[in-house]
Amino acid sequence: MSDLDILSFGETMTMLVAEQTGDLAQVRHFEKRIAGADSNVAIGLSRLGFNVGWLSRVGNDSMGRFVIDSLQAEGVDCRHVSVDAGHPTGFQFKSLELQGADPTVEYFRRGSAASHLSLTDLKPDLLKARHLHATGIPAALSDSCRELSRGLMTQMREAGRSVSFDPNLRPSLWPNQATMIREINHLASLADWVMPGLAEGELLTGFDTPADIAAFYLDQGAEAVVIKLGAKGAYYRTQLNQAFVPGVVVPSVIDTVGAGDGFAVGVISALLENLGFDQATARGNWIGSQAVQSRGDMEGLPTRAQLQAAQPIDSSHNATA
């Protein structure tokens, strides 16, 4: 396990995607896939050639076997995925939309196996990974998952590893907005690289400009803050510089789900390759643009060969002190 480049953790669900448009109640045919922001990032980084470990739980059921088989097929190390005989694998239904409209998603995850993750699942070998990627989703699933999130992020940073954090807000999973904001901002304070969307940053910090949102997290101890601005691109800020990095124009948007996960893949991979924040943000924009051009949460994430062939890095913009 010491050969891990990256560790990610959370819940992977089975996803049943409608094969026709319209009300989910009227749809009779679905395609079975997997879904989960944390595992989307794990898959994306694995496709780029990193050794990625996945910490999770699934039920002792066909959906759980499907999840593990799907992740292993993507090269993700699943040795630390536990099979929980007492709780089921979570799943979701997702509508089919045209012209890039946001799909309807119905979740069936309450009491799932992954919601029973806890600090007891954290084995010392996992702390040897070079980097940890975390999101705010596990912390929303249960008290024990929240303790795992805090403990894992704290211990990895204390061990000198880098930690990235995407808030990935899921308001419906939290008891109230105030609790969500408090807990998510606490987790953000445990990370080196914080990657909120603009609307998330506004809600979490109370500020309405990328510069002020970034300053909020830099003051909490982040090394860098990278803010997703949708089609406009992204903005990054460190203690030394800041810049807007333009987005990538795409011919058509097919499915917006997973764009932020693709962005995280780009930023994390570039930073672990010792590229600068301008190049990392540009790569994040490019991979996010690939994600929205295919149906599915992670199907559009590129391989290393595709990334190299596209040569998306554009650092022609000017960083300002």
C-alpha atoms as a PDB file:
ATOM      1  CA  MET A   1       0.000   0.000   0.000  1.00  0.00           C
ATOM      2  CA  SER A   2       3.019   2.278   0.313  1.00  0.00           C
ATOM      3  CA  ASP A   3       3.086   2.546  -3.486  1.00  0.00           C
ATOM      4  CA  LEU A   4      -0.099   4.619  -3.547  1.00  0.00           C
ATOM      5  CA  ASP A   5       0.170   8.034  -5.152  1.00  0.00           C
ATOM      6  CA  ILE A   6      -3.321   9.137  -4.139  1.00  0.00           C
ATOM      7  CA  LEU A   7      -5.949   8.061  -1.629  1.00  0.00           C
ATOM      8  CA  SER A   8      -9.610   8.957  -2.009  1.00  0.00           C
ATOM      9  CA  PHE A   9     -12.589   7.884   0.084  1.00  0.00           C
ATOM     10  CA  GLY A  10     -16.358   8.084   0.212  1.00  0.00           C
ATOM     11  CA  GLU A  11     -19.382   6.443  -1.358  1.00  0.00           C
ATOM     12  CA  THR A  12     -19.727   4.928  -4.803  1.00  0.00           C
ATOM     13  CA  MET A  13     -23.312   4.173  -5.759  1.00  0.00           C
ATOM     14  CA  THR A  14     -24.838   2.151  -8.515  1.00  0.00           C
ATOM     15  CA  MET A  15     -26.499   4.558 -10.947  1.00  0.00           C
ATOM     16  CA  LEU A  16     -29.446   3.661 -13.154  1.00  0.00           C
ATOM     17  CA  VAL A  17     -29.475   6.108 -16.054  1.00  0.00           C
ATOM     18  CA  ALA A  18     -32.672   6.540 -18.077  1.00  0.00           C
ATOM     19  CA  GLU A  19     -32.387   5.586 -21.732  1.00  0.00           C
ATOM     20  CA  GLN A  20     -35.228   7.899 -22.739  1.00  0.00           C
ATOM     21  CA  THR A  21     -36.209  11.409 -21.767  1.00  0.00           C
ATOM     22  CA  GLY A  22     -39.170  12.291 -19.595  1.00  0.00           C
ATOM     23  CA  ASP A  23     -40.459  11.667 -16.093  1.00  0.00           C
ATOM     24  CA  LEU A  24     -38.467   8.915 -14.375  1.00  0.00           C
ATOM     25  CA  ALA A  25     -41.759   7.300 -13.380  1.00  0.00           C
ATOM     26  CA  GLN A  26     -42.503   6.664 -17.060  1.00  0.00           C
ATOM     27  CA  VAL A  27     -39.058   5.390 -18.035  1.00  0.00           C
ATOM     28  CA  ARG A  28     -38.850   1.615 -18.401  1.00  0.00           C
ATOM     29  CA  HIS A  29     -35.270   1.100 -19.559  1.00  0.00           C
ATOM     30  CA  PHE A  30     -32.126   2.119 -17.704  1.00  0.00           C
ATOM     31  CA  GLU A  31     -28.396   1.588 -18.140  1.00  0.00           C
ATOM     32  CA  LYS A  32     -26.431   0.543 -15.062  1.00  0.00           C
ATOM     33  CA  ARG A  33     -23.340   2.606 -14.234  1.00  0.00           C
ATOM     34  CA  ILE A  34     -21.561   3.851 -11.119  1.00  0.00           C
ATOM     35  CA  ALA A  35     -21.660   7.310  -9.554  1.00  0.00           C
ATOM     36  CA  GLY A  36     -19.892   9.221  -6.813  1.00  0.00           C
ATOM     37  CA  ALA A  37     -17.881  12.430  -6.918  1.00  0.00           C
ATOM     38  CA  ASP A  38     -15.004  11.037  -4.863  1.00  0.00           C
ATOM     39  CA  SER A  39     -14.640   7.905  -6.980  1.00  0.00           C
ATOM     40  CA  ASN A  40     -15.023   9.911 -10.195  1.00  0.00           C
ATOM     41  CA  VAL A  41     -11.842  11.744  -9.212  1.00  0.00           C
ATOM     42  CA  ALA A  42     -10.159   8.454  -8.306  1.00  0.00           C
ATOM     43  CA  ILE A  43     -11.021   7.047 -11.744  1.00  0.00           C
ATOM     44  CA  GLY A  44      -9.865  10.180 -13.542  1.00  0.00           C
ATOM     45  CA  LEU A  45      -6.503  10.147 -11.771  1.00  0.00           C
ATOM     46  CA  SER A  46      -6.105   6.420 -12.415  1.00  0.00           C
ATOM     47  CA  ARG A  47      -6.675   7.001 -16.136  1.00  0.00           C
ATOM     48  CA  LEU A  48      -3.803   9.496 -16.053  1.00  0.00           C
ATOM     49  CA  GLY A  49      -1.491   6.809 -14.702  1.00  0.00           C
ATOM     50  CA  PHE A  50      -1.517   7.452 -10.958  1.00  0.00           C
ATOM     51  CA  ASN A  51      -1.782   4.616  -8.440  1.00  0.00           C
ATOM     52  CA  VAL A  52      -5.038   5.439  -6.664  1.00  0.00           C
ATOM     53  CA  GLY A  53      -6.439   3.735  -3.580  1.00  0.00           C
ATOM     54  CA  TRP A  54     -10.137   3.792  -2.698  1.00  0.00           C
ATOM     55  CA  LEU A  55     -11.428   3.583   0.887  1.00  0.00           C
ATOM     56  CA  SER A  56     -15.117   2.733   1.128  1.00  0.00           C
ATOM     57  CA  ARG A  57     -17.816   0.219   2.018  1.00  0.00           C
ATOM     58  CA  VAL A  58     -20.372  -1.566  -0.128  1.00  0.00           C
ATOM     59  CA  GLY A  59     -23.172  -3.947   0.709  1.00  0.00           C
ATOM     60  CA  ASN A  60     -22.979  -7.692   0.307  1.00  0.00           C
ATOM     61  CA  ASP A  61     -25.170  -7.469  -2.788  1.00  0.00           C
ATOM     62  CA  SER A  62     -25.002  -7.412  -6.568  1.00  0.00           C
ATOM     63  CA  MET A  63     -24.775  -3.625  -6.664  1.00  0.00           C
ATOM     64  CA  GLY A  64     -21.770  -3.711  -4.348  1.00  0.00           C
ATOM     65  CA  ARG A  65     -20.050  -6.294  -6.529  1.00  0.00           C
ATOM     66  CA  PHE A  66     -20.799  -4.156  -9.571  1.00  0.00           C
ATOM     67  CA  VAL A  67     -19.238  -1.109  -7.899  1.00  0.00           C
ATOM     68  CA  ILE A  68     -16.028  -2.941  -7.000  1.00  0.00           C
ATOM     69  CA  ASP A  69     -15.756  -4.596 -10.416  1.00  0.00           C
ATOM     70  CA  SER A  70     -16.260  -1.245 -12.154  1.00  0.00           C
ATOM     71  CA  LEU A  71     -13.612   0.525 -10.082  1.00  0.00           C
ATOM     72  CA  GLN A  72     -11.106  -2.278 -10.471  1.00  0.00           C
ATOM     73  CA  ALA A  73     -11.676  -2.239 -14.229  1.00  0.00           C
ATOM     74  CA  GLU A  74     -10.523   1.393 -14.110  1.00  0.00           C
ATOM     75  CA  GLY A  75      -7.324   0.432 -12.305  1.00  0.00           C
ATOM     76  CA  VAL A  76      -8.401   1.727  -8.898  1.00  0.00           C
ATOM     77  CA  ASP A  77      -6.985  -0.190  -5.917  1.00  0.00           C
ATOM     78  CA  CYS A  78      -9.996  -1.499  -3.952  1.00  0.00           C
ATOM     79  CA  ARG A  79      -8.175  -3.513  -1.295  1.00  0.00           C
ATOM     80  CA  HIS A  80      -9.595  -1.206   1.373  1.00  0.00           C
ATOM     81  CA  VAL A  81     -13.214  -1.437   0.276  1.00  0.00           C
ATOM     82  CA  SER A  82     -15.083  -3.403   2.949  1.00  0.00           C
ATOM     83  CA  VAL A  83     -18.109  -5.572   2.235  1.00  0.00           C
ATOM     84  CA  ASP A  84     -20.805  -4.817   4.832  1.00  0.00           C
ATOM     85  CA  ALA A  85     -23.272  -7.659   5.280  1.00  0.00           C
ATOM     86  CA  GLY A  86     -25.621  -5.542   7.383  1.00  0.00           C
ATOM     87  CA  HIS A  87     -26.238  -2.564   5.104  1.00  0.00           C
ATOM     88  CA  PRO A  88     -26.965  -2.164   1.376  1.00  0.00           C
ATOM     89  CA  THR A  89     -25.068  -0.449  -1.399  1.00  0.00           C
ATOM     90  CA  GLY A  90     -26.554   2.960  -2.184  1.00  0.00           C
ATOM     91  CA  PHE A  91     -28.017   3.621  -5.611  1.00  0.00           C
ATOM     92  CA  GLN A  92     -29.604   6.404  -7.629  1.00  0.00           C
ATOM     93  CA  PHE A  93     -31.831   7.027 -10.645  1.00  0.00           C
ATOM     94  CA  LYS A  94     -30.762   9.698 -13.157  1.00  0.00           C
ATOM     95  CA  SER A  95     -32.912  11.193 -15.911  1.00  0.00           C
ATOM     96  CA  LEU A  96     -31.806  11.643 -19.514  1.00  0.00           C
ATOM     97  CA  GLU A  97     -31.807  15.287 -20.597  1.00  0.00           C
ATOM     98  CA  LEU A  98     -31.163  17.001 -23.905  1.00  0.00           C
ATOM     99  CA  GLN A  99     -29.167  20.174 -24.689  1.00  0.00           C
ATOM    100  CA  GLY A 100     -27.072  19.842 -21.551  1.00  0.00           C
ATOM    101  CA  ALA A 101     -29.875  20.525 -19.046  1.00  0.00           C
ATOM    102  CA  ASP A 102     -29.198  19.397 -15.480  1.00  0.00           C
ATOM    103  CA  PRO A 103     -30.649  15.913 -14.943  1.00  0.00           C
ATOM    104  CA  THR A 104     -33.061  14.865 -12.228  1.00  0.00           C
ATOM    105  CA  VAL A 105     -31.362  12.554  -9.732  1.00  0.00           C
ATOM    106  CA  GLU A 106     -33.161  10.495  -7.085  1.00  0.00           C
ATOM    107  CA  TYR A 107     -30.934   9.055  -4.348  1.00  0.00           C
ATOM    108  CA  PHE A 108     -31.468   5.914  -2.295  1.00  0.00           C
ATOM    109  CA  ARG A 109     -28.498   6.051   0.043  1.00  0.00           C
ATOM    110  CA  ARG A 110     -29.792   6.618   3.587  1.00  0.00           C
ATOM    111  CA  GLY A 111     -28.360   3.941   5.883  1.00  0.00           C
ATOM    112  CA  SER A 112     -26.104   2.623   3.121  1.00  0.00           C
ATOM    113  CA  ALA A 113     -22.974   0.597   3.775  1.00  0.00           C
ATOM    114  CA  ALA A 114     -20.750   3.577   2.962  1.00  0.00           C
ATOM    115  CA  SER A 115     -22.552   5.751   5.503  1.00  0.00           C
ATOM    116  CA  HIS A 116     -21.163   3.401   8.152  1.00  0.00           C
ATOM    117  CA  LEU A 117     -17.551   4.201   7.345  1.00  0.00           C
ATOM    118  CA  SER A 118     -15.670   5.265  10.483  1.00  0.00           C
ATOM    119  CA  LEU A 119     -12.203   5.831  11.898  1.00  0.00           C
ATOM    120  CA  THR A 120     -11.929   2.069  12.434  1.00  0.00           C
ATOM    121  CA  ASP A 121     -11.633   1.749   8.648  1.00  0.00           C
ATOM    122  CA  LEU A 122      -8.500   3.904   8.643  1.00  0.00           C
ATOM    123  CA  LYS A 123      -5.468   1.618   8.552  1.00  0.00           C
ATOM    124  CA  PRO A 124      -1.936   2.983   9.069  1.00  0.00           C
ATOM    125  CA  ASP A 125      -0.752   1.877   5.620  1.00  0.00           C
ATOM    126  CA  LEU A 126      -3.253   4.252   3.999  1.00  0.00           C
ATOM    127  CA  LEU A 127      -1.393   7.215   5.490  1.00  0.00           C
ATOM    128  CA  LYS A 128       1.612   6.369   3.318  1.00  0.00           C
ATOM    129  CA  ALA A 129      -0.141   7.641   0.192  1.00  0.00           C
ATOM    130  CA  ARG A 130       1.483  10.740  -1.255  1.00  0.00           C
ATOM    131  CA  HIS A 131      -1.742  12.719  -1.560  1.00  0.00           C
ATOM    132  CA  LEU A 132      -5.292  12.664  -0.157  1.00  0.00           C
ATOM    133  CA  HIS A 133      -8.321  13.924  -2.039  1.00  0.00           C
ATOM    134  CA  ALA A 134     -11.411  14.626   0.051  1.00  0.00           C
ATOM    135  CA  THR A 135     -14.841  16.110  -0.569  1.00  0.00           C
ATOM    136  CA  GLY A 136     -17.626  17.304   1.695  1.00  0.00           C
ATOM    137  CA  ILE A 137     -19.902  14.419   0.742  1.00  0.00           C
ATOM    138  CA  PRO A 138     -18.696  11.722   3.199  1.00  0.00           C
ATOM    139  CA  ALA A 139     -18.977  14.177   6.078  1.00  0.00           C
ATOM    140  CA  ALA A 140     -22.640  14.683   5.194  1.00  0.00           C
ATOM    141  CA  LEU A 141     -23.496  10.974   5.266  1.00  0.00           C
ATOM    142  CA  SER A 142     -23.198  10.311   9.012  1.00  0.00           C
ATOM    143  CA  ASP A 143     -21.413  11.299  12.211  1.00  0.00           C
ATOM    144  CA  SER A 144     -18.955   8.407  11.835  1.00  0.00           C
ATOM    145  CA  CYS A 145     -18.127   9.427   8.257  1.00  0.00           C
ATOM    146  CA  ARG A 146     -17.560  12.975   9.451  1.00  0.00           C
ATOM    147  CA  GLU A 147     -15.124  11.727  12.089  1.00  0.00           C
ATOM    148  CA  LEU A 148     -13.312   9.728   9.416  1.00  0.00           C
ATOM    149  CA  SER A 149     -13.061  12.795   7.180  1.00  0.00           C
ATOM    150  CA  ARG A 150     -11.623  14.935   9.964  1.00  0.00           C
ATOM    151  CA  GLY A 151      -9.263  12.247  11.184  1.00  0.00           C
ATOM    152  CA  LEU A 152      -7.966  11.238   7.775  1.00  0.00           C
ATOM    153  CA  MET A 153      -7.384  14.803   6.601  1.00  0.00           C
ATOM    154  CA  THR A 154      -5.693  15.760   9.884  1.00  0.00           C
ATOM    155  CA  GLN A 155      -3.415  12.722   9.974  1.00  0.00           C
ATOM    156  CA  MET A 156      -2.414  12.993   6.329  1.00  0.00           C
ATOM    157  CA  ARG A 157      -1.472  16.646   6.708  1.00  0.00           C
ATOM    158  CA  GLU A 158       0.423  15.925   9.934  1.00  0.00           C
ATOM    159  CA  ALA A 159       2.307  13.210   8.046  1.00  0.00           C
ATOM    160  CA  GLY A 160       3.445  15.814   5.530  1.00  0.00           C
ATOM    161  CA  ARG A 161       1.166  14.667   2.708  1.00  0.00           C
ATOM    162  CA  SER A 162      -0.701  17.098   0.491  1.00  0.00           C
ATOM    163  CA  VAL A 163      -4.483  17.286   0.864  1.00  0.00           C
ATOM    164  CA  SER A 164      -7.035  18.602  -1.637  1.00  0.00           C
ATOM    165  CA  PHE A 165     -10.647  19.381  -0.774  1.00  0.00           C
ATOM    166  CA  ASP A 166     -13.714  19.971  -2.935  1.00  0.00           C
ATOM    167  CA  PRO A 167     -16.739  21.073  -0.848  1.00  0.00           C
ATOM    168  CA  ASN A 168     -19.197  19.297  -3.176  1.00  0.00           C
ATOM    169  CA  LEU A 169     -22.156  20.590  -1.195  1.00  0.00           C
ATOM    170  CA  ARG A 170     -25.142  18.278  -0.758  1.00  0.00           C
ATOM    171  CA  PRO A 171     -27.607  20.379   1.301  1.00  0.00           C
ATOM    172  CA  SER A 172     -30.252  17.638   1.373  1.00  0.00           C
ATOM    173  CA  LEU A 173     -27.893  15.402   3.359  1.00  0.00           C
ATOM    174  CA  TRP A 174     -27.299  17.917   6.143  1.00  0.00           C
ATOM    175  CA  PRO A 175     -29.693  18.676   9.032  1.00  0.00           C
ATOM    176  CA  ASN A 176     -29.519  22.412   8.275  1.00  0.00           C
ATOM    177  CA  GLN A 177     -27.490  24.948   6.327  1.00  0.00           C
ATOM    178  CA  ALA A 178     -25.657  26.356   9.340  1.00  0.00           C
ATOM    179  CA  THR A 179     -24.295  22.935  10.270  1.00  0.00           C
ATOM    180  CA  MET A 180     -23.232  22.305   6.693  1.00  0.00           C
ATOM    181  CA  ILE A 181     -21.358  25.597   6.455  1.00  0.00           C
ATOM    182  CA  ARG A 182     -19.609  25.107   9.793  1.00  0.00           C
ATOM    183  CA  GLU A 183     -18.518  21.540   9.120  1.00  0.00           C
ATOM    184  CA  ILE A 184     -17.456  22.085   5.511  1.00  0.00           C
ATOM    185  CA  ASN A 185     -15.373  25.129   6.415  1.00  0.00           C
ATOM    186  CA  HIS A 186     -13.707  23.157   9.201  1.00  0.00           C
ATOM    187  CA  LEU A 187     -12.718  20.452   6.708  1.00  0.00           C
ATOM    188  CA  ALA A 188     -11.477  23.100   4.287  1.00  0.00           C
ATOM    189  CA  SER A 189      -9.169  24.382   7.019  1.00  0.00           C
ATOM    190  CA  LEU A 190      -7.486  20.955   7.020  1.00  0.00           C
ATOM    191  CA  ALA A 191      -6.607  21.075   3.313  1.00  0.00           C
ATOM    192  CA  ASP A 192      -3.743  22.496   1.274  1.00  0.00           C
ATOM    193  CA  TRP A 193      -5.735  23.016  -1.933  1.00  0.00           C
ATOM    194  CA  VAL A 194      -9.392  24.090  -1.657  1.00  0.00           C
ATOM    195  CA  MET A 195     -11.547  23.903  -4.814  1.00  0.00           C
ATOM    196  CA  PRO A 196     -15.077  25.305  -4.424  1.00  0.00           C
ATOM    197  CA  GLY A 197     -17.441  26.393  -7.148  1.00  0.00           C
ATOM    198  CA  LEU A 198     -18.300  30.085  -7.127  1.00  0.00           C
ATOM    199  CA  ALA A 199     -21.843  29.577  -5.765  1.00  0.00           C
ATOM    200  CA  GLU A 200     -20.497  27.196  -3.109  1.00  0.00           C
ATOM    201  CA  GLY A 201     -17.855  29.713  -2.096  1.00  0.00           C
ATOM    202  CA  GLU A 202     -20.435  32.480  -1.801  1.00  0.00           C
ATOM    203  CA  LEU A 203     -22.623  30.361   0.462  1.00  0.00           C
ATOM    204  CA  LEU A 204     -19.765  29.068   2.590  1.00  0.00           C
ATOM    205  CA  THR A 205     -17.923  32.351   3.130  1.00  0.00           C
ATOM    206  CA  GLY A 206     -20.521  35.071   2.686  1.00  0.00           C
ATOM    207  CA  PHE A 207     -18.302  36.800   0.127  1.00  0.00           C
ATOM    208  CA  ASP A 208     -19.315  37.313  -3.486  1.00  0.00           C
ATOM    209  CA  THR A 209     -16.058  37.725  -5.384  1.00  0.00           C
ATOM    210  CA  PRO A 210     -13.527  34.998  -6.198  1.00  0.00           C
ATOM    211  CA  ALA A 211     -10.710  37.035  -4.648  1.00  0.00           C
ATOM    212  CA  ASP A 212     -12.503  37.442  -1.316  1.00  0.00           C
ATOM    213  CA  ILE A 213     -13.647  33.815  -1.232  1.00  0.00           C
ATOM    214  CA  ALA A 214     -10.080  32.697  -1.850  1.00  0.00           C
ATOM    215  CA  ALA A 215      -8.736  35.050   0.818  1.00  0.00           C
ATOM    216  CA  PHE A 216     -11.133  33.497   3.346  1.00  0.00           C
ATOM    217  CA  TYR A 217      -9.592  30.042   2.870  1.00  0.00           C
ATOM    218  CA  LEU A 218      -6.024  31.306   2.587  1.00  0.00           C
ATOM    219  CA  ASP A 219      -6.528  32.893   5.993  1.00  0.00           C
ATOM    220  CA  GLN A 220      -7.583  29.469   7.308  1.00  0.00           C
ATOM    221  CA  GLY A 221      -4.281  27.967   6.208  1.00  0.00           C
ATOM    222  CA  ALA A 222      -4.811  26.806   2.626  1.00  0.00           C
ATOM    223  CA  GLU A 223      -1.804  26.951   0.315  1.00  0.00           C
ATOM    224  CA  ALA A 224      -4.026  27.705  -2.671  1.00  0.00           C
ATOM    225  CA  VAL A 225      -7.682  28.174  -3.554  1.00  0.00           C
ATOM    226  CA  VAL A 226      -8.970  27.350  -7.028  1.00  0.00           C
ATOM    227  CA  ILE A 227     -12.526  28.506  -7.761  1.00  0.00           C
ATOM    228  CA  LYS A 228     -14.611  26.995 -10.568  1.00  0.00           C
ATOM    229  CA  LEU A 229     -16.470  29.580 -12.649  1.00  0.00           C
ATOM    230  CA  GLY A 230     -18.311  27.263 -15.027  1.00  0.00           C
ATOM    231  CA  ALA A 231     -17.989  28.075 -18.718  1.00  0.00           C
ATOM    232  CA  LYS A 232     -15.976  31.190 -17.848  1.00  0.00           C
ATOM    233  CA  GLY A 233     -13.104  29.075 -16.568  1.00  0.00           C
ATOM    234  CA  ALA A 234     -11.559  29.345 -13.127  1.00  0.00           C
ATOM    235  CA  TYR A 235      -9.649  31.592 -10.757  1.00  0.00           C
ATOM    236  CA  TYR A 236      -6.783  30.653  -8.491  1.00  0.00           C
ATOM    237  CA  ARG A 237      -5.106  32.506  -5.675  1.00  0.00           C
ATOM    238  CA  THR A 238      -2.100  31.708  -3.524  1.00  0.00           C
ATOM    239  CA  GLN A 239      -0.197  33.841  -1.038  1.00  0.00           C
ATOM    240  CA  LEU A 240       2.009  34.973  -3.925  1.00  0.00           C
ATOM    241  CA  ASN A 241      -0.205  35.429  -6.971  1.00  0.00           C
ATOM    242  CA  GLN A 242      -3.636  35.128  -8.516  1.00  0.00           C
ATOM    243  CA  ALA A 243      -5.132  34.807 -11.979  1.00  0.00           C
ATOM    244  CA  PHE A 244      -8.268  34.075 -13.979  1.00  0.00           C
ATOM    245  CA  VAL A 245      -7.769  31.203 -16.398  1.00  0.00           C
ATOM    246  CA  PRO A 246     -10.246  31.186 -19.312  1.00  0.00           C
ATOM    247  CA  GLY A 247     -12.533  28.248 -19.937  1.00  0.00           C
ATOM    248  CA  VAL A 248     -12.464  25.927 -22.949  1.00  0.00           C
ATOM    249  CA  VAL A 249     -15.142  26.407 -25.582  1.00  0.00           C
ATOM    250  CA  VAL A 250     -16.956  23.151 -26.371  1.00  0.00           C
ATOM    251  CA  PRO A 251     -19.137  22.392 -29.408  1.00  0.00           C
ATOM    252  CA  SER A 252     -21.990  21.070 -27.272  1.00  0.00           C
ATOM    253  CA  VAL A 253     -22.747  20.266 -23.645  1.00  0.00           C
ATOM    254  CA  ILE A 254     -24.251  16.823 -23.222  1.00  0.00           C
ATOM    255  CA  ASP A 255     -24.098  16.167 -19.459  1.00  0.00           C
ATOM    256  CA  THR A 256     -22.923  18.657 -16.831  1.00  0.00           C
ATOM    257  CA  VAL A 257     -22.651  16.117 -13.994  1.00  0.00           C
ATOM    258  CA  GLY A 258     -19.033  15.333 -13.220  1.00  0.00           C
ATOM    259  CA  ALA A 259     -17.543  18.521 -14.689  1.00  0.00           C
ATOM    260  CA  GLY A 260     -16.276  19.631 -11.274  1.00  0.00           C
ATOM    261  CA  ASP A 261     -14.772  16.195 -10.659  1.00  0.00           C
ATOM    262  CA  GLY A 262     -12.958  16.430 -13.968  1.00  0.00           C
ATOM    263  CA  PHE A 263     -11.678  19.848 -12.970  1.00  0.00           C
ATOM    264  CA  ALA A 264     -10.314  18.386  -9.727  1.00  0.00           C
ATOM    265  CA  VAL A 265      -8.578  15.609 -11.672  1.00  0.00           C
ATOM    266  CA  GLY A 266      -6.815  18.195 -13.795  1.00  0.00           C
ATOM    267  CA  VAL A 267      -5.705  20.414 -10.937  1.00  0.00           C
ATOM    268  CA  ILE A 268      -4.536  17.579  -8.667  1.00  0.00           C
ATOM    269  CA  SER A 269      -2.685  15.688 -11.392  1.00  0.00           C
ATOM    270  CA  ALA A 270      -0.839  18.788 -12.584  1.00  0.00           C
ATOM    271  CA  LEU A 271       0.174  19.879  -9.085  1.00  0.00           C
ATOM    272  CA  LEU A 272       1.448  16.385  -8.275  1.00  0.00           C
ATOM    273  CA  GLU A 273       3.544  16.649 -11.445  1.00  0.00           C
ATOM    274  CA  ASN A 274       5.022  19.885 -10.034  1.00  0.00           C
ATOM    275  CA  LEU A 275       3.381  22.138 -12.613  1.00  0.00           C
ATOM    276  CA  GLY A 276       2.398  25.653 -11.585  1.00  0.00           C
ATOM    277  CA  PHE A 277      -1.057  26.743 -10.497  1.00  0.00           C
ATOM    278  CA  ASP A 278      -1.665  28.443 -13.824  1.00  0.00           C
ATOM    279  CA  GLN A 279      -0.990  25.227 -15.718  1.00  0.00           C
ATOM    280  CA  ALA A 280      -2.924  23.174 -13.179  1.00  0.00           C
ATOM    281  CA  THR A 281      -5.982  25.394 -13.494  1.00  0.00           C
ATOM    282  CA  ALA A 282      -5.782  25.305 -17.278  1.00  0.00           C
ATOM    283  CA  ARG A 283      -5.637  21.503 -17.195  1.00  0.00           C
ATOM    284  CA  GLY A 284      -8.596  21.453 -14.829  1.00  0.00           C
ATOM    285  CA  ASN A 285     -10.588  23.592 -17.242  1.00  0.00           C
ATOM    286  CA  TRP A 286      -9.701  21.327 -20.153  1.00  0.00           C
ATOM    287  CA  ILE A 287     -10.590  18.056 -18.419  1.00  0.00           C
ATOM    288  CA  GLY A 288     -13.819  19.607 -17.136  1.00  0.00           C
ATOM    289  CA  SER A 289     -14.653  20.546 -20.718  1.00  0.00           C
ATOM    290  CA  GLN A 290     -14.120  16.937 -21.776  1.00  0.00           C
ATOM    291  CA  ALA A 291     -16.396  15.675 -19.018  1.00  0.00           C
ATOM    292  CA  VAL A 292     -19.412  17.706 -20.175  1.00  0.00           C
ATOM    293  CA  GLN A 293     -19.179  16.384 -23.721  1.00  0.00           C
ATOM    294  CA  SER A 294     -20.144  12.813 -22.891  1.00  0.00           C
ATOM    295  CA  ARG A 295     -23.096  11.154 -21.242  1.00  0.00           C
ATOM    296  CA  GLY A 296     -22.208   9.894 -17.805  1.00  0.00           C
ATOM    297  CA  ASP A 297     -20.493  11.160 -14.676  1.00  0.00           C
ATOM    298  CA  MET A 298     -16.953  10.022 -15.494  1.00  0.00           C
ATOM    299  CA  GLU A 299     -17.079   8.530 -18.985  1.00  0.00           C
ATOM    300  CA  GLY A 300     -15.527  11.649 -20.548  1.00  0.00           C
ATOM    301  CA  LEU A 301     -12.463  11.748 -18.307  1.00  0.00           C
ATOM    302  CA  PRO A 302      -9.366  11.372 -20.527  1.00  0.00           C
ATOM    303  CA  THR A 303      -6.502   8.929 -20.520  1.00  0.00           C
ATOM    304  CA  ARG A 304      -2.891  10.108 -20.281  1.00  0.00           C
ATOM    305  CA  ALA A 305      -2.509   9.574 -24.033  1.00  0.00           C
ATOM    306  CA  GLN A 306      -5.552  11.735 -24.759  1.00  0.00           C
ATOM    307  CA  LEU A 307      -4.275  14.455 -22.438  1.00  0.00           C
ATOM    308  CA  GLN A 308      -0.862  14.498 -24.066  1.00  0.00           C
ATOM    309  CA  ALA A 309      -2.333  14.489 -27.574  1.00  0.00           C
ATOM    310  CA  ALA A 310      -4.562  17.474 -26.819  1.00  0.00           C
ATOM    311  CA  GLN A 311      -1.810  19.543 -25.160  1.00  0.00           C
ATOM    312  CA  PRO A 312      -4.416  21.712 -23.417  1.00  0.00           C
ATOM    313  CA  ILE A 313      -2.085  23.689 -21.208  1.00  0.00           C
ATOM    314  CA  ASP A 314      -2.343  27.390 -22.010  1.00  0.00           C
ATOM    315  CA  SER A 315      -0.390  29.636 -19.697  1.00  0.00           C
ATOM    316  CA  SER A 316      -0.560  32.707 -21.904  1.00  0.00           C
ATOM    317  CA  HIS A 317      -2.628  34.634 -19.328  1.00  0.00           C
ATOM    318  CA  ASN A 318      -0.846  36.870 -16.869  1.00  0.00           C
ATOM    319  CA  ALA A 319      -0.694  36.057 -13.176  1.00  0.00           C
ATOM    320  CA  THR A 320      -0.781  39.133 -10.979  1.00  0.00           C
ATOM    321  CA  ALA A 321       0.848  39.618  -7.626  1.00  0.00           C
END
